[in-house]
Amino acid sequence: MRKTDLVIGMLIGIAGALLGSYLFIVIFTEYAFVEGIRLVKFAGNLGKVITLGAILNLILFFGLLHFKKELMAKGVVLATILLTIVTLFV
């Protein structure tokens, strides 16, 4: 069991959620990313945006399973669980 694959999977999961959040704000709002994050945080909806961004992790998870990278896929799941815990406290 290679722990580096698990860590790489977690980094891929966090990066995927950040990318998904970025795409959500840029596509569905008329604001730039930083200004959109400020407005979403001010409105109290930052956790919801992070959750929507984590949908991209679903695609990453199944893609890693397709390429037989099970340990990296576990890392993506762990990153999603970590983001869920963070979302509860944001």
PDB file of N, CA and C in Angstrom:
ATOM      1  N   MET A   1       0.847  -1.180   0.000  1.00  0.00           N
ATOM      2  CA  MET A   1       0.000   0.000   0.000  1.00  0.00           C
ATOM      3  C   MET A   1       0.883   1.231   0.000  1.00  0.00           C
ATOM      4  N   ARG A   2       0.800   2.016  -1.040  1.00  0.00           N
ATOM      5  CA  ARG A   2       1.628   3.210  -1.154  1.00  0.00           C
ATOM      6  C   ARG A   2       0.868   4.414  -0.635  1.00  0.00           C
ATOM      7  N   LYS A   3       1.397   4.992   0.412  1.00  0.00           N
ATOM      8  CA  LYS A   3       0.745   6.147   1.040  1.00  0.00           C
ATOM      9  C   LYS A   3       0.822   7.382   0.148  1.00  0.00           C
ATOM     10  N   THR A   4       1.818   7.437  -0.727  1.00  0.00           N
ATOM     11  CA  THR A   4       1.931   8.610  -1.591  1.00  0.00           C
ATOM     12  C   THR A   4       0.752   8.688  -2.559  1.00  0.00           C
ATOM     13  N   ASP A   5       0.259   7.536  -3.020  1.00  0.00           N
ATOM     14  CA  ASP A   5      -0.915   7.547  -3.904  1.00  0.00           C
ATOM     15  C   ASP A   5      -2.139   8.090  -3.180  1.00  0.00           C
ATOM     16  N   LEU A   6      -2.257   7.769  -1.898  1.00  0.00           N
ATOM     17  CA  LEU A   6      -3.375   8.263  -1.107  1.00  0.00           C
ATOM     18  C   LEU A   6      -3.290   9.780  -0.955  1.00  0.00           C
ATOM     19  N   VAL A   7      -2.092  10.288  -0.678  1.00  0.00           N
ATOM     20  CA  VAL A   7      -1.890  11.736  -0.529  1.00  0.00           C
ATOM     21  C   VAL A   7      -2.124  12.446  -1.858  1.00  0.00           C
ATOM     22  N   ILE A   8      -1.634  11.864  -2.938  1.00  0.00           N
ATOM     23  CA  ILE A   8      -1.864  12.451  -4.261  1.00  0.00           C
ATOM     24  C   ILE A   8      -3.356  12.487  -4.569  1.00  0.00           C
ATOM     25  N   GLY A   9      -4.068  11.442  -4.219  1.00  0.00           N
ATOM     26  CA  GLY A   9      -5.522  11.412  -4.416  1.00  0.00           C
ATOM     27  C   GLY A   9      -6.217  12.490  -3.609  1.00  0.00           C
ATOM     28  N   MET A  10      -5.763  12.712  -2.368  1.00  0.00           N
ATOM     29  CA  MET A  10      -6.353  13.785  -1.558  1.00  0.00           C
ATOM     30  C   MET A  10      -6.092  15.148  -2.184  1.00  0.00           C
ATOM     31  N   LEU A  11      -4.871  15.354  -2.686  1.00  0.00           N
ATOM     32  CA  LEU A  11      -4.552  16.627  -3.340  1.00  0.00           C
ATOM     33  C   LEU A  11      -5.368  16.812  -4.610  1.00  0.00           C
ATOM     34  N   ILE A  12      -5.561  15.738  -5.353  1.00  0.00           N
ATOM     35  CA  ILE A  12      -6.399  15.803  -6.555  1.00  0.00           C
ATOM     36  C   ILE A  12      -7.842  16.151  -6.173  1.00  0.00           C
ATOM     37  N   GLY A  13      -8.338  15.564  -5.092  1.00  0.00           N
ATOM     38  CA  GLY A  13      -9.703  15.844  -4.644  1.00  0.00           C
ATOM     39  C   GLY A  13      -9.891  17.287  -4.201  1.00  0.00           C
ATOM     40  N   ILE A  14      -8.931  17.815  -3.463  1.00  0.00           N
ATOM     41  CA  ILE A  14      -9.031  19.215  -3.016  1.00  0.00           C
ATOM     42  C   ILE A  14      -8.908  20.159  -4.208  1.00  0.00           C
ATOM     43  N   ALA A  15      -7.971  19.848  -5.115  1.00  0.00           N
ATOM     44  CA  ALA A  15      -7.818  20.683  -6.312  1.00  0.00           C
ATOM     45  C   ALA A  15      -9.075  20.614  -7.183  1.00  0.00           C
ATOM     46  N   GLY A  16      -9.677  19.451  -7.270  1.00  0.00           N
ATOM     47  CA  GLY A  16     -10.911  19.308  -8.055  1.00  0.00           C
ATOM     48  C   GLY A  16     -12.047  20.133  -7.475  1.00  0.00           C
ATOM     49  N   ALA A  17     -12.163  20.147  -6.149  1.00  0.00           N
ATOM     50  CA  ALA A  17     -13.217  20.938  -5.513  1.00  0.00           C
ATOM     51  C   ALA A  17     -12.959  22.435  -5.697  1.00  0.00           C
ATOM     52  N   LEU A  18     -11.691  22.841  -5.612  1.00  0.00           N
ATOM     53  CA  LEU A  18     -11.365  24.251  -5.843  1.00  0.00           C
ATOM     54  C   LEU A  18     -11.662  24.653  -7.285  1.00  0.00           C
ATOM     55  N   LEU A  19     -11.307  23.781  -8.217  1.00  0.00           N
ATOM     56  CA  LEU A  19     -11.590  24.060  -9.623  1.00  0.00           C
ATOM     57  C   LEU A  19     -13.093  24.116  -9.879  1.00  0.00           C
ATOM     58  N   GLY A  20     -13.832  23.196  -9.278  1.00  0.00           N
ATOM     59  CA  GLY A  20     -15.292  23.202  -9.434  1.00  0.00           C
ATOM     60  C   GLY A  20     -15.922  24.451  -8.851  1.00  0.00           C
ATOM     61  N   SER A  21     -15.427  24.902  -7.700  1.00  0.00           N
ATOM     62  CA  SER A  21     -15.939  26.137  -7.095  1.00  0.00           C
ATOM     63  C   SER A  21     -15.614  27.335  -7.977  1.00  0.00           C
ATOM     64  N   TYR A  22     -14.394  27.351  -8.518  1.00  0.00           N
ATOM     65  CA  TYR A  22     -13.992  28.431  -9.415  1.00  0.00           C
ATOM     66  C   TYR A  22     -14.905  28.470 -10.648  1.00  0.00           C
ATOM     67  N   LEU A  23     -15.106  27.321 -11.255  1.00  0.00           N
ATOM     68  CA  LEU A  23     -15.957  27.275 -12.446  1.00  0.00           C
ATOM     69  C   LEU A  23     -17.389  27.685 -12.132  1.00  0.00           C
ATOM     70  N   PHE A  24     -17.903  27.275 -10.975  1.00  0.00           N
ATOM     71  CA  PHE A  24     -19.261  27.648 -10.605  1.00  0.00           C
ATOM     72  C   PHE A  24     -19.395  29.161 -10.476  1.00  0.00           C
ATOM     73  N   ILE A  25     -18.447  29.791  -9.800  1.00  0.00           N
ATOM     74  CA  ILE A  25     -18.533  31.236  -9.585  1.00  0.00           C
ATOM     75  C   ILE A  25     -18.342  31.990 -10.895  1.00  0.00           C
ATOM     76  N   VAL A  26     -17.409  31.563 -11.710  1.00  0.00           N
ATOM     77  CA  VAL A  26     -17.136  32.281 -12.960  1.00  0.00           C
ATOM     78  C   VAL A  26     -18.279  32.107 -13.960  1.00  0.00           C
ATOM     79  N   ILE A  27     -18.849  30.917 -14.040  1.00  0.00           N
ATOM     80  CA  ILE A  27     -19.881  30.659 -15.046  1.00  0.00           C
ATOM     81  C   ILE A  27     -21.243  31.205 -14.616  1.00  0.00           C
ATOM     82  N   PHE A  28     -21.619  31.016 -13.350  1.00  0.00           N
ATOM     83  CA  PHE A  28     -22.973  31.337 -12.932  1.00  0.00           C
ATOM     84  C   PHE A  28     -23.131  32.687 -12.248  1.00  0.00           C
ATOM     85  N   THR A  29     -22.059  33.439 -12.090  1.00  0.00           N
ATOM     86  CA  THR A  29     -22.180  34.806 -11.577  1.00  0.00           C
ATOM     87  C   THR A  29     -21.489  35.748 -12.543  1.00  0.00           C
ATOM     88  N   GLU A  30     -21.762  37.012 -12.400  1.00  0.00           N
ATOM     89  CA  GLU A  30     -21.130  37.984 -13.282  1.00  0.00           C
ATOM     90  C   GLU A  30     -19.890  38.605 -12.646  1.00  0.00           C
ATOM     91  N   TYR A  31     -19.429  38.039 -11.544  1.00  0.00           N
ATOM     92  CA  TYR A  31     -18.282  38.580 -10.819  1.00  0.00           C
ATOM     93  C   TYR A  31     -17.024  37.764 -11.101  1.00  0.00           C
ATOM     94  N   ALA A  32     -15.874  38.391 -10.831  1.00  0.00           N
ATOM     95  CA  ALA A  32     -14.606  37.666 -10.897  1.00  0.00           C
ATOM     96  C   ALA A  32     -14.540  36.714  -9.699  1.00  0.00           C
ATOM     97  N   PHE A  33     -13.560  35.839  -9.696  1.00  0.00           N
ATOM     98  CA  PHE A  33     -13.513  34.785  -8.683  1.00  0.00           C
ATOM     99  C   PHE A  33     -13.376  35.350  -7.271  1.00  0.00           C
ATOM    100  N   VAL A  34     -12.412  36.219  -7.055  1.00  0.00           N
ATOM    101  CA  VAL A  34     -12.166  36.728  -5.693  1.00  0.00           C
ATOM    102  C   VAL A  34     -13.358  37.542  -5.197  1.00  0.00           C
ATOM    103  N   GLU A  35     -13.895  38.390  -6.055  1.00  0.00           N
ATOM    104  CA  GLU A  35     -15.067  39.179  -5.673  1.00  0.00           C
ATOM    105  C   GLU A  35     -16.281  38.276  -5.444  1.00  0.00           C
ATOM    106  N   GLY A  36     -16.427  37.244  -6.264  1.00  0.00           N
ATOM    107  CA  GLY A  36     -17.525  36.295  -6.090  1.00  0.00           C
ATOM    108  C   GLY A  36     -17.426  35.545  -4.777  1.00  0.00           C
ATOM    109  N   ILE A  37     -16.207  35.141  -4.398  1.00  0.00           N
ATOM    110  CA  ILE A  37     -16.009  34.449  -3.117  1.00  0.00           C
ATOM    111  C   ILE A  37     -16.382  35.372  -1.961  1.00  0.00           C
ATOM    112  N   ARG A  38     -15.980  36.629  -2.045  1.00  0.00           N
ATOM    113  CA  ARG A  38     -16.324  37.587  -0.984  1.00  0.00           C
ATOM    114  C   ARG A  38     -17.831  37.751  -0.853  1.00  0.00           C
ATOM    115  N   LEU A  39     -18.509  37.881  -1.969  1.00  0.00           N
ATOM    116  CA  LEU A  39     -19.957  38.065  -1.934  1.00  0.00           C
ATOM    117  C   LEU A  39     -20.679  36.805  -1.437  1.00  0.00           C
ATOM    118  N   VAL A  40     -20.209  35.652  -1.856  1.00  0.00           N
ATOM    119  CA  VAL A  40     -20.828  34.401  -1.415  1.00  0.00           C
ATOM    120  C   VAL A  40     -20.597  34.204   0.078  1.00  0.00           C
ATOM    121  N   LYS A  41     -19.391  34.526   0.547  1.00  0.00           N
ATOM    122  CA  LYS A  41     -19.105  34.402   1.975  1.00  0.00           C
ATOM    123  C   LYS A  41     -19.942  35.388   2.779  1.00  0.00           C
ATOM    124  N   PHE A  42     -20.093  36.609   2.259  1.00  0.00           N
ATOM    125  CA  PHE A  42     -20.916  37.620   2.941  1.00  0.00           C
ATOM    126  C   PHE A  42     -22.369  37.169   3.026  1.00  0.00           C
ATOM    127  N   ALA A  43     -22.838  36.488   1.988  1.00  0.00           N
ATOM    128  CA  ALA A  43     -24.223  35.996   1.974  1.00  0.00           C
ATOM    129  C   ALA A  43     -24.391  34.737   2.822  1.00  0.00           C
ATOM    130  N   GLY A  44     -23.283  34.135   3.242  1.00  0.00           N
ATOM    131  CA  GLY A  44     -23.363  32.932   4.068  1.00  0.00           C
ATOM    132  C   GLY A  44     -23.541  31.655   3.276  1.00  0.00           C
ATOM    133  N   ASN A  45     -23.187  31.674   2.002  1.00  0.00           N
ATOM    134  CA  ASN A  45     -23.388  30.511   1.139  1.00  0.00           C
ATOM    135  C   ASN A  45     -22.087  29.873   0.679  1.00  0.00           C
ATOM    136  N   LEU A  46     -20.992  30.139   1.379  1.00  0.00           N
ATOM    137  CA  LEU A  46     -19.701  29.597   0.954  1.00  0.00           C
ATOM    138  C   LEU A  46     -19.685  28.073   1.033  1.00  0.00           C
ATOM    139  N   GLY A  47     -20.293  27.512   2.045  1.00  0.00           N
ATOM    140  CA  GLY A  47     -20.355  26.058   2.167  1.00  0.00           C
ATOM    141  C   GLY A  47     -21.097  25.415   1.011  1.00  0.00           C
ATOM    142  N   LYS A  48     -22.128  26.077   0.537  1.00  0.00           N
ATOM    143  CA  LYS A  48     -22.892  25.539  -0.595  1.00  0.00           C
ATOM    144  C   LYS A  48     -22.076  25.573  -1.881  1.00  0.00           C
ATOM    145  N   VAL A  49     -21.280  26.621  -2.057  1.00  0.00           N
ATOM    146  CA  VAL A  49     -20.435  26.709  -3.247  1.00  0.00           C
ATOM    147  C   VAL A  49     -19.344  25.644  -3.205  1.00  0.00           C
ATOM    148  N   ILE A  50     -18.763  25.403  -2.030  1.00  0.00           N
ATOM    149  CA  ILE A  50     -17.759  24.347  -1.896  1.00  0.00           C
ATOM    150  C   ILE A  50     -18.388  22.989  -2.191  1.00  0.00           C
ATOM    151  N   THR A  51     -19.599  22.785  -1.735  1.00  0.00           N
ATOM    152  CA  THR A  51     -20.292  21.527  -1.986  1.00  0.00           C
ATOM    153  C   THR A  51     -20.562  21.344  -3.479  1.00  0.00           C
ATOM    154  N   LEU A  52     -20.992  22.389  -4.150  1.00  0.00           N
ATOM    155  CA  LEU A  52     -21.208  22.298  -5.597  1.00  0.00           C
ATOM    156  C   LEU A  52     -19.897  22.060  -6.336  1.00  0.00           C
ATOM    157  N   GLY A  53     -18.820  22.655  -5.837  1.00  0.00           N
ATOM    158  CA  GLY A  53     -17.517  22.429  -6.450  1.00  0.00           C
ATOM    159  C   GLY A  53     -17.038  21.002  -6.287  1.00  0.00           C
ATOM    160  N   ALA A  54     -17.453  20.355  -5.204  1.00  0.00           N
ATOM    161  CA  ALA A  54     -17.031  18.975  -4.944  1.00  0.00           C
ATOM    162  C   ALA A  54     -17.717  17.970  -5.862  1.00  0.00           C
ATOM    163  N   ILE A  55     -18.697  18.397  -6.631  1.00  0.00           N
ATOM    164  CA  ILE A  55     -19.330  17.493  -7.598  1.00  0.00           C
ATOM    165  C   ILE A  55     -18.306  17.022  -8.621  1.00  0.00           C
ATOM    166  N   LEU A  56     -17.332  17.853  -8.907  1.00  0.00           N
ATOM    167  CA  LEU A  56     -16.266  17.468  -9.836  1.00  0.00           C
ATOM    168  C   LEU A  56     -15.482  16.260  -9.307  1.00  0.00           C
ATOM    169  N   ASN A  57     -15.444  16.089  -7.984  1.00  0.00           N
ATOM    170  CA  ASN A  57     -14.755  14.941  -7.394  1.00  0.00           C
ATOM    171  C   ASN A  57     -15.404  13.620  -7.797  1.00  0.00           C
ATOM    172  N   LEU A  58     -16.681  13.652  -8.065  1.00  0.00           N
ATOM    173  CA  LEU A  58     -17.372  12.444  -8.515  1.00  0.00           C
ATOM    174  C   LEU A  58     -16.804  11.974  -9.852  1.00  0.00           C
ATOM    175  N   ILE A  59     -16.594  12.904 -10.753  1.00  0.00           N
ATOM    176  CA  ILE A  59     -16.007  12.584 -12.052  1.00  0.00           C
ATOM    177  C   ILE A  59     -14.575  12.083 -11.880  1.00  0.00           C
ATOM    178  N   LEU A  60     -13.819  12.768 -11.007  1.00  0.00           N
ATOM    179  CA  LEU A  60     -12.443  12.342 -10.745  1.00  0.00           C
ATOM    180  C   LEU A  60     -12.394  10.945 -10.150  1.00  0.00           C
ATOM    181  N   PHE A  61     -13.298  10.656  -9.226  1.00  0.00           N
ATOM    182  CA  PHE A  61     -13.344   9.348  -8.573  1.00  0.00           C
ATOM    183  C   PHE A  61     -13.547   8.228  -9.593  1.00  0.00           C
ATOM    184  N   PHE A  62     -14.553   8.372 -10.432  1.00  0.00           N
ATOM    185  CA  PHE A  62     -14.830   7.318 -11.411  1.00  0.00           C
ATOM    186  C   PHE A  62     -13.754   7.249 -12.486  1.00  0.00           C
ATOM    187  N   GLY A  63     -13.144   8.392 -12.806  1.00  0.00           N
ATOM    188  CA  GLY A  63     -12.030   8.372 -13.753  1.00  0.00           C
ATOM    189  C   GLY A  63     -10.833   7.618 -13.200  1.00  0.00           C
ATOM    190  N   LEU A  64     -10.519   7.827 -11.932  1.00  0.00           N
ATOM    191  CA  LEU A  64      -9.409   7.095 -11.320  1.00  0.00           C
ATOM    192  C   LEU A  64      -9.717   5.604 -11.212  1.00  0.00           C
ATOM    193  N   LEU A  65     -10.961   5.259 -10.930  1.00  0.00           N
ATOM    194  CA  LEU A  65     -11.326   3.842 -10.898  1.00  0.00           C
ATOM    195  C   LEU A  65     -11.208   3.206 -12.284  1.00  0.00           C
ATOM    196  N   HIS A  66     -11.551   3.979 -13.304  1.00  0.00           N
ATOM    197  CA  HIS A  66     -11.446   3.468 -14.672  1.00  0.00           C
ATOM    198  C   HIS A  66      -9.997   3.145 -15.025  1.00  0.00           C
ATOM    199  N   PHE A  67      -9.062   3.969 -14.547  1.00  0.00           N
ATOM    200  CA  PHE A  67      -7.643   3.751 -14.825  1.00  0.00           C
ATOM    201  C   PHE A  67      -6.965   2.865 -13.779  1.00  0.00           C
ATOM    202  N   LYS A  68      -7.781   2.210 -12.946  1.00  0.00           N
ATOM    203  CA  LYS A  68      -7.311   1.252 -11.944  1.00  0.00           C
ATOM    204  C   LYS A  68      -6.350   1.894 -10.933  1.00  0.00           C
ATOM    205  N   LYS A  69      -6.688   3.080 -10.477  1.00  0.00           N
ATOM    206  CA  LYS A  69      -5.942   3.792  -9.440  1.00  0.00           C
ATOM    207  C   LYS A  69      -6.812   3.852  -8.186  1.00  0.00           C
ATOM    208  N   GLU A  70      -7.042   2.692  -7.579  1.00  0.00           N
ATOM    209  CA  GLU A  70      -7.978   2.588  -6.463  1.00  0.00           C
ATOM    210  C   GLU A  70      -7.532   3.400  -5.248  1.00  0.00           C
ATOM    211  N   LEU A  71      -6.229   3.416  -4.965  1.00  0.00           N
ATOM    212  CA  LEU A  71      -5.748   4.140  -3.797  1.00  0.00           C
ATOM    213  C   LEU A  71      -5.897   5.653  -3.985  1.00  0.00           C
ATOM    214  N   MET A  72      -5.671   6.124  -5.198  1.00  0.00           N
ATOM    215  CA  MET A  72      -5.894   7.547  -5.470  1.00  0.00           C
ATOM    216  C   MET A  72      -7.383   7.876  -5.367  1.00  0.00           C
ATOM    217  N   ALA A  73      -8.238   6.961  -5.799  1.00  0.00           N
ATOM    218  CA  ALA A  73      -9.680   7.171  -5.685  1.00  0.00           C
ATOM    219  C   ALA A  73     -10.096   7.248  -4.219  1.00  0.00           C
ATOM    220  N   LYS A  74      -9.459   6.431  -3.366  1.00  0.00           N
ATOM    221  CA  LYS A  74      -9.717   6.530  -1.930  1.00  0.00           C
ATOM    222  C   LYS A  74      -9.301   7.891  -1.389  1.00  0.00           C
ATOM    223  N   GLY A  75      -8.199   8.432  -1.916  1.00  0.00           N
ATOM    224  CA  GLY A  75      -7.758   9.761  -1.515  1.00  0.00           C
ATOM    225  C   GLY A  75      -8.765  10.834  -1.895  1.00  0.00           C
ATOM    226  N   VAL A  76      -9.381  10.689  -3.061  1.00  0.00           N
ATOM    227  CA  VAL A  76     -10.420  11.633  -3.478  1.00  0.00           C
ATOM    228  C   VAL A  76     -11.613  11.555  -2.533  1.00  0.00           C
ATOM    229  N   VAL A  77     -11.966  10.352  -2.126  1.00  0.00           N
ATOM    230  CA  VAL A  77     -13.075  10.189  -1.175  1.00  0.00           C
ATOM    231  C   VAL A  77     -12.713  10.828   0.164  1.00  0.00           C
ATOM    232  N   LEU A  78     -11.489  10.625   0.623  1.00  0.00           N
ATOM    233  CA  LEU A  78     -11.054  11.245   1.876  1.00  0.00           C
ATOM    234  C   LEU A  78     -11.064  12.769   1.780  1.00  0.00           C
ATOM    235  N   ALA A  79     -10.657  13.306   0.643  1.00  0.00           N
ATOM    236  CA  ALA A  79     -10.703  14.752   0.452  1.00  0.00           C
ATOM    237  C   ALA A  79     -12.142  15.255   0.481  1.00  0.00           C
ATOM    238  N   THR A  80     -13.053  14.501  -0.094  1.00  0.00           N
ATOM    239  CA  THR A  80     -14.464  14.885  -0.076  1.00  0.00           C
ATOM    240  C   THR A  80     -15.012  14.863   1.348  1.00  0.00           C
ATOM    241  N   ILE A  81     -14.613  13.860   2.134  1.00  0.00           N
ATOM    242  CA  ILE A  81     -15.033  13.807   3.537  1.00  0.00           C
ATOM    243  C   ILE A  81     -14.454  14.994   4.308  1.00  0.00           C
ATOM    244  N   LEU A  82     -13.191  15.321   4.042  1.00  0.00           N
ATOM    245  CA  LEU A  82     -12.554  16.470   4.683  1.00  0.00           C
ATOM    246  C   LEU A  82     -13.275  17.769   4.318  1.00  0.00           C
ATOM    247  N   LEU A  83     -13.622  17.918   3.052  1.00  0.00           N
ATOM    248  CA  LEU A  83     -14.359  19.111   2.619  1.00  0.00           C
ATOM    249  C   LEU A  83     -15.745  19.165   3.246  1.00  0.00           C
ATOM    250  N   THR A  84     -16.356  18.018   3.460  1.00  0.00           N
ATOM    251  CA  THR A  84     -17.663  17.977   4.118  1.00  0.00           C
ATOM    252  C   THR A  84     -17.556  18.473   5.546  1.00  0.00           C
ATOM    253  N   ILE A  85     -16.527  18.041   6.248  1.00  0.00           N
ATOM    254  CA  ILE A  85     -16.324  18.497   7.624  1.00  0.00           C
ATOM    255  C   ILE A  85     -16.032  19.989   7.654  1.00  0.00           C
ATOM    256  N   VAL A  86     -15.221  20.478   6.732  1.00  0.00           N
ATOM    257  CA  VAL A  86     -14.935  21.919   6.668  1.00  0.00           C
ATOM    258  C   VAL A  86     -16.203  22.701   6.355  1.00  0.00           C
ATOM    259  N   THR A  87     -17.030  22.165   5.456  1.00  0.00           N
ATOM    260  CA  THR A  87     -18.264  22.847   5.076  1.00  0.00           C
ATOM    261  C   THR A  87     -19.217  22.972   6.261  1.00  0.00           C
ATOM    262  N   LEU A  88     -19.204  22.001   7.144  1.00  0.00           N
ATOM    263  CA  LEU A  88     -20.075  22.067   8.317  1.00  0.00           C
ATOM    264  C   LEU A  88     -19.730  23.239   9.226  1.00  0.00           C
ATOM    265  N   PHE A  89     -18.458  23.612   9.266  1.00  0.00           N
ATOM    266  CA  PHE A  89     -18.019  24.666  10.178  1.00  0.00           C
ATOM    267  C   PHE A  89     -17.824  26.017   9.511  1.00  0.00           C
ATOM    268  N   VAL A  90     -18.086  26.130   8.210  1.00  0.00           N
ATOM    269  CA  VAL A  90     -17.930  27.423   7.515  1.00  0.00           C
ATOM    270  C   VAL A  90     -19.229  28.183   7.566  1.00  0.00           C
TER     271      VAL A  90
END
